[in-house]
């Protein structure tokens, strides 16, 4: 009679300790705080992806509704529109070393490089990674001025961080396991950090270059699909509301 409770207890403990390949994204990370300091309406339908333009004086985003690239001022006003014949644009990066805009096409799994001044396409490159769902592909891109490489995030299925260059193709692939999906990425080259935004987890994550989570910050709404960092300011763009929101990091 005394053996049965012990066996039952052991089974319970063993079951509770079992884990899959993916960590529970809701637990286990230090939690930081954000303070909303500004919010601006944009006239970009379904904006996705966010990056600074030259000199950190403007912002670039794309629309997965019109498949165009938009340059904004820091209050979200549209300064110019760059036509690009993509099928499903989701992410954008600016390369100051070569004065190029890089955009990712989710469905076609492609990166296009566009000259910032002339708006001419310099090349289109296929990113050959496993395909789960057509509508859960390349979601974000950012340029690392330290190593001159692009960091591309696949939304989910598979959850991947891809380091890539047009000269050498895929440099590395890393499985991600801390969020429910990955809707945007920003390389903070000055601090050697990666920042991810997750729509479904409703958080942003500060990570080191190995994608180890250093801190997570809860967001007040879903559908953020672009992120860029400048010191203690976080710029986020929302696909559903078409608003540019600026937060201050209260504890980095």
Foldseek 3Di string as FASTA:
>chain_A
DVVVVVVVVVVVVVVVPDDDPFDDLVDDAAAFEKAFDDKAFAPAALWFAWEAAPPSQWMWIAHQVQRWIFIGGPRRYTDDIQDDPANGWAYWEADPVQQWIWIAHQQQQKIWIARNVPRHTPDIGHQDDDDDDSNQAWAYWYAAPVVRWIWIFGFPPPGWIFIADPVPGTPDIDGDRNDPTWQYWYQPNVVQWIWTAHQVRQWIFIAHPNRDTNYIYHHPHGQFRYWYDDVQKIWTAGSPRNMIIIIGTPDD
